[in-house]
C-alpha atoms as a PDB file:
ATOM      1  CA  MET A   1       0.000   0.000   0.000  1.00  0.00           C
ATOM      2  CA  ILE A   2       1.374   3.422  -0.902  1.00  0.00           C
ATOM      3  CA  PHE A   3       0.588   4.939   2.446  1.00  0.00           C
ATOM      4  CA  SER A   4       2.857   2.737   4.520  1.00  0.00           C
ATOM      5  CA  ASP A   5       6.445   3.594   5.324  1.00  0.00           C
ATOM      6  CA  ALA A   6       7.786   0.889   3.017  1.00  0.00           C
ATOM      7  CA  PRO A   7       8.645   1.962  -0.532  1.00  0.00           C
ATOM      8  CA  VAL A   8       6.232   0.905  -3.254  1.00  0.00           C
ATOM      9  CA  THR A   9       7.050   0.589  -6.931  1.00  0.00           C
ATOM     10  CA  VAL A  10       4.039   2.606  -8.133  1.00  0.00           C
ATOM     11  CA  ALA A  11       4.991   5.556  -5.981  1.00  0.00           C
ATOM     12  CA  GLU A  12       8.738   5.426  -6.591  1.00  0.00           C
ATOM     13  CA  ASN A  13       8.653   8.017  -9.388  1.00  0.00           C
ATOM     14  CA  LEU A  14       6.432  10.472  -7.517  1.00  0.00           C
ATOM     15  CA  ASP A  15       7.582  13.346  -5.452  1.00  0.00           C
ATOM     16  CA  GLY A  16       6.458  13.281  -1.848  1.00  0.00           C
ATOM     17  CA  GLY A  17       4.084  16.185  -2.422  1.00  0.00           C
ATOM     18  CA  LEU A  18       1.280  14.184  -3.986  1.00  0.00           C
ATOM     19  CA  LEU A  19       1.584  11.372  -1.472  1.00  0.00           C
ATOM     20  CA  ALA A  20       1.515  13.915   1.355  1.00  0.00           C
ATOM     21  CA  LYS A  21      -1.617  15.508  -0.120  1.00  0.00           C
ATOM     22  CA  ILE A  22      -3.313  12.119  -0.359  1.00  0.00           C
ATOM     23  CA  LYS A  23      -2.408  11.271   3.231  1.00  0.00           C
ATOM     24  CA  ALA A  24      -3.628  14.682   4.411  1.00  0.00           C
ATOM     25  CA  PHE A  25      -6.900  14.265   2.503  1.00  0.00           C
ATOM     26  CA  VAL A  26      -7.535  10.848   4.055  1.00  0.00           C
ATOM     27  CA  GLU A  27      -6.721  12.143   7.543  1.00  0.00           C
ATOM     28  CA  THR A  28      -9.060  15.109   7.046  1.00  0.00           C
ATOM     29  CA  ALA A  29     -11.778  12.755   5.827  1.00  0.00           C
ATOM     30  CA  LYS A  30     -11.290  10.567   8.916  1.00  0.00           C
ATOM     31  CA  SER A  31     -11.725  13.515  11.237  1.00  0.00           C
ATOM     32  CA  ALA A  32     -14.749  14.771   9.259  1.00  0.00           C
ATOM     33  CA  ALA A  33     -16.328  11.316   9.437  1.00  0.00           C
ATOM     34  CA  ALA A  34     -15.788  10.937  13.166  1.00  0.00           C
ATOM     35  CA  ASP A  35     -19.433  11.715  13.917  1.00  0.00           C
ATOM     36  CA  GLY A  36     -20.806   9.662  11.039  1.00  0.00           C
ATOM     37  CA  LEU A  37     -21.015   9.803   7.293  1.00  0.00           C
ATOM     38  CA  THR A  38     -23.617   9.142   4.633  1.00  0.00           C
ATOM     39  CA  TRP A  39     -22.869   7.147   1.498  1.00  0.00           C
ATOM     40  CA  ALA A  40     -23.510  10.303  -0.525  1.00  0.00           C
ATOM     41  CA  GLU A  41     -20.859  12.121   1.502  1.00  0.00           C
ATOM     42  CA  PHE A  42     -18.506   9.186   0.978  1.00  0.00           C
ATOM     43  CA  GLY A  43     -19.115   9.452  -2.780  1.00  0.00           C
ATOM     44  CA  ASP A  44     -18.315  13.162  -2.673  1.00  0.00           C
ATOM     45  CA  LEU A  45     -15.113  12.424  -0.778  1.00  0.00           C
ATOM     46  CA  MET A  46     -14.162   9.751  -3.302  1.00  0.00           C
ATOM     47  CA  LEU A  47     -14.677  12.090  -6.257  1.00  0.00           C
ATOM     48  CA  ALA A  48     -12.753  14.890  -4.553  1.00  0.00           C
ATOM     49  CA  LEU A  49      -9.885  12.498  -3.828  1.00  0.00           C
ATOM     50  CA  LEU A  50      -9.900  11.251  -7.420  1.00  0.00           C
ATOM     51  CA  ARG A  51      -9.710  14.826  -8.696  1.00  0.00           C
ATOM     52  CA  LEU A  52      -6.775  15.531  -6.396  1.00  0.00           C
ATOM     53  CA  VAL A  53      -4.929  12.370  -7.385  1.00  0.00           C
ATOM     54  CA  ILE A  54      -5.581  12.706 -11.105  1.00  0.00           C
ATOM     55  CA  ALA A  55      -4.479  16.339 -11.130  1.00  0.00           C
ATOM     56  CA  GLY A  56      -1.242  15.336  -9.418  1.00  0.00           C
ATOM     57  CA  LEU A  57      -0.659  12.305 -11.607  1.00  0.00           C
ATOM     58  CA  ASP A  58      -1.452  14.164 -14.815  1.00  0.00           C
ATOM     59  CA  VAL A  59       1.814  16.057 -14.496  1.00  0.00           C
ATOM     60  CA  ALA A  60       3.856  13.111 -13.168  1.00  0.00           C
ATOM     61  CA  ASN A  61       6.525  11.822 -15.494  1.00  0.00           C
ATOM     62  CA  GLY A  62       7.803   8.285 -15.714  1.00  0.00           C
ATOM     63  CA  LEU A  63       4.569   6.501 -14.868  1.00  0.00           C
ATOM     64  CA  THR A  64       2.421   4.607 -17.320  1.00  0.00           C
ATOM     65  CA  GLY A  65      -1.320   5.105 -17.489  1.00  0.00           C
ATOM     66  CA  ALA A  66      -1.875   1.780 -15.749  1.00  0.00           C
ATOM     67  CA  ALA A  67       0.464   2.749 -12.911  1.00  0.00           C
ATOM     68  CA  LYS A  68      -1.303   6.079 -12.508  1.00  0.00           C
ATOM     69  CA  LYS A  69      -4.672   4.343 -12.378  1.00  0.00           C
ATOM     70  CA  ALA A  70      -3.328   1.844  -9.842  1.00  0.00           C
ATOM     71  CA  LEU A  71      -2.165   4.695  -7.621  1.00  0.00           C
ATOM     72  CA  ALA A  72      -5.572   6.389  -7.887  1.00  0.00           C
ATOM     73  CA  LEU A  73      -7.288   3.154  -6.918  1.00  0.00           C
ATOM     74  CA  GLU A  74      -4.913   2.650  -3.986  1.00  0.00           C
ATOM     75  CA  ALA A  75      -5.834   6.133  -2.789  1.00  0.00           C
ATOM     76  CA  VAL A  76      -9.554   5.304  -3.005  1.00  0.00           C
ATOM     77  CA  ALA A  77      -8.951   2.000  -1.202  1.00  0.00           C
ATOM     78  CA  SER A  78      -7.167   3.884   1.548  1.00  0.00           C
ATOM     79  CA  LEU A  79     -10.091   6.298   1.849  1.00  0.00           C
ATOM     80  CA  PHE A  80     -12.562   3.410   1.931  1.00  0.00           C
ATOM     81  CA  ASP A  81     -10.596   1.608   4.631  1.00  0.00           C
ATOM     82  CA  ALA A  82     -10.380   4.803   6.677  1.00  0.00           C
ATOM     83  CA  VAL A  83     -13.990   6.026   6.603  1.00  0.00           C
ATOM     84  CA  ALA A  84     -16.458   3.529   5.109  1.00  0.00           C
ATOM     85  CA  ASP A  85     -17.283   1.978   8.475  1.00  0.00           C
ATOM     86  CA  ARG A  86     -18.592   5.383   9.604  1.00  0.00           C
ATOM     87  CA  ALA A  87     -21.270   5.302   6.893  1.00  0.00           C
ATOM     88  CA  VAL A  88     -22.930   2.191   8.321  1.00  0.00           C
ATOM     89  CA  PRO A  89     -25.683   2.472  10.925  1.00  0.00           C
ATOM     90  CA  PRO A  90     -24.837   0.629  14.137  1.00  0.00           C
ATOM     91  CA  LEU A  91     -27.729  -1.815  13.752  1.00  0.00           C
ATOM     92  CA  ALA A  92     -26.488  -2.856  10.307  1.00  0.00           C
ATOM     93  CA  TYR A  93     -22.899  -3.395  11.428  1.00  0.00           C
ATOM     94  CA  PRO A  94     -23.149  -7.218  11.725  1.00  0.00           C
ATOM     95  CA  ILE A  95     -24.320  -7.382   8.121  1.00  0.00           C
ATOM     96  CA  TRP A  96     -21.663  -4.843   7.152  1.00  0.00           C
ATOM     97  CA  ILE A  97     -18.908  -7.121   8.400  1.00  0.00           C
ATOM     98  CA  LEU A  98     -20.020  -9.741   5.894  1.00  0.00           C
ATOM     99  CA  ALA A  99     -20.764  -7.310   3.050  1.00  0.00           C
ATOM    100  CA  ARG A 100     -17.702  -5.069   3.457  1.00  0.00           C
ATOM    101  CA  PRO A 101     -15.343  -6.972   1.099  1.00  0.00           C
ATOM    102  CA  ALA A 102     -17.951  -7.020  -1.672  1.00  0.00           C
ATOM    103  CA  VAL A 103     -18.795  -3.340  -1.173  1.00  0.00           C
ATOM    104  CA  ARG A 104     -15.090  -2.479  -1.210  1.00  0.00           C
ATOM    105  CA  SER A 105     -14.693  -4.289  -4.529  1.00  0.00           C
ATOM    106  CA  LEU A 106     -17.725  -2.464  -5.901  1.00  0.00           C
ATOM    107  CA  VAL A 107     -16.402   0.921  -4.778  1.00  0.00           C
ATOM    108  CA  LEU A 108     -13.027   0.211  -6.385  1.00  0.00           C
ATOM    109  CA  ALA A 109     -14.747  -0.852  -9.615  1.00  0.00           C
ATOM    110  CA  LEU A 110     -16.767   2.367  -9.595  1.00  0.00           C
ATOM    111  CA  ALA A 111     -13.607   4.364  -8.927  1.00  0.00           C
ATOM    112  CA  SER A 112     -11.861   2.603 -11.786  1.00  0.00           C
ATOM    113  CA  GLY A 113     -14.582   3.731 -14.158  1.00  0.00           C
ATOM    114  CA  ALA A 114     -14.674   7.188 -12.619  1.00  0.00           C
ATOM    115  CA  VAL A 115     -10.980   7.749 -13.346  1.00  0.00           C
ATOM    116  CA  GLU A 116     -11.738   8.010 -17.063  1.00  0.00           C
ATOM    117  CA  GLN A 117     -14.655  10.340 -16.353  1.00  0.00           C
ATOM    118  CA  VAL A 118     -12.772  12.639 -13.972  1.00  0.00           C
ATOM    119  CA  LEU A 119      -9.677  12.963 -16.186  1.00  0.00           C
ATOM    120  CA  PRO A 120     -11.300  15.264 -18.776  1.00  0.00           C
ATOM    121  CA  LEU A 121     -12.722  17.432 -15.968  1.00  0.00           C
ATOM    122  CA  VAL A 122      -9.286  17.882 -14.404  1.00  0.00           C
ATOM    123  CA  ARG A 123      -7.602  18.721 -17.699  1.00  0.00           C
ATOM    124  CA  ARG A 124      -9.918  21.681 -18.437  1.00  0.00           C
END
């Protein structure tokens, strides 16, 4: 994962600025979600994070398109892992434990498709 202290091949060619922005965004999202979060708010956070990542990766040199997309998806996965549990009502939490891996896969699939949709918006 790109947000650990260990070096990762996808992030090797990036300057620390983008990674620091991603980490700061996720930390801000965690503090904003401390009192709860709706799925609509999570979607807004995901799109905002994708815009941030794509804008930073658009100017990055030395990375292929697939590597850039992988980094964007890792960022979304990090956001999901950090705040998705806050969007689940307490009564639904037992079901959430079982459904979480499938929902995570769905969110990453949606983010994968959103990368191509957000890219033209960022380049304007």
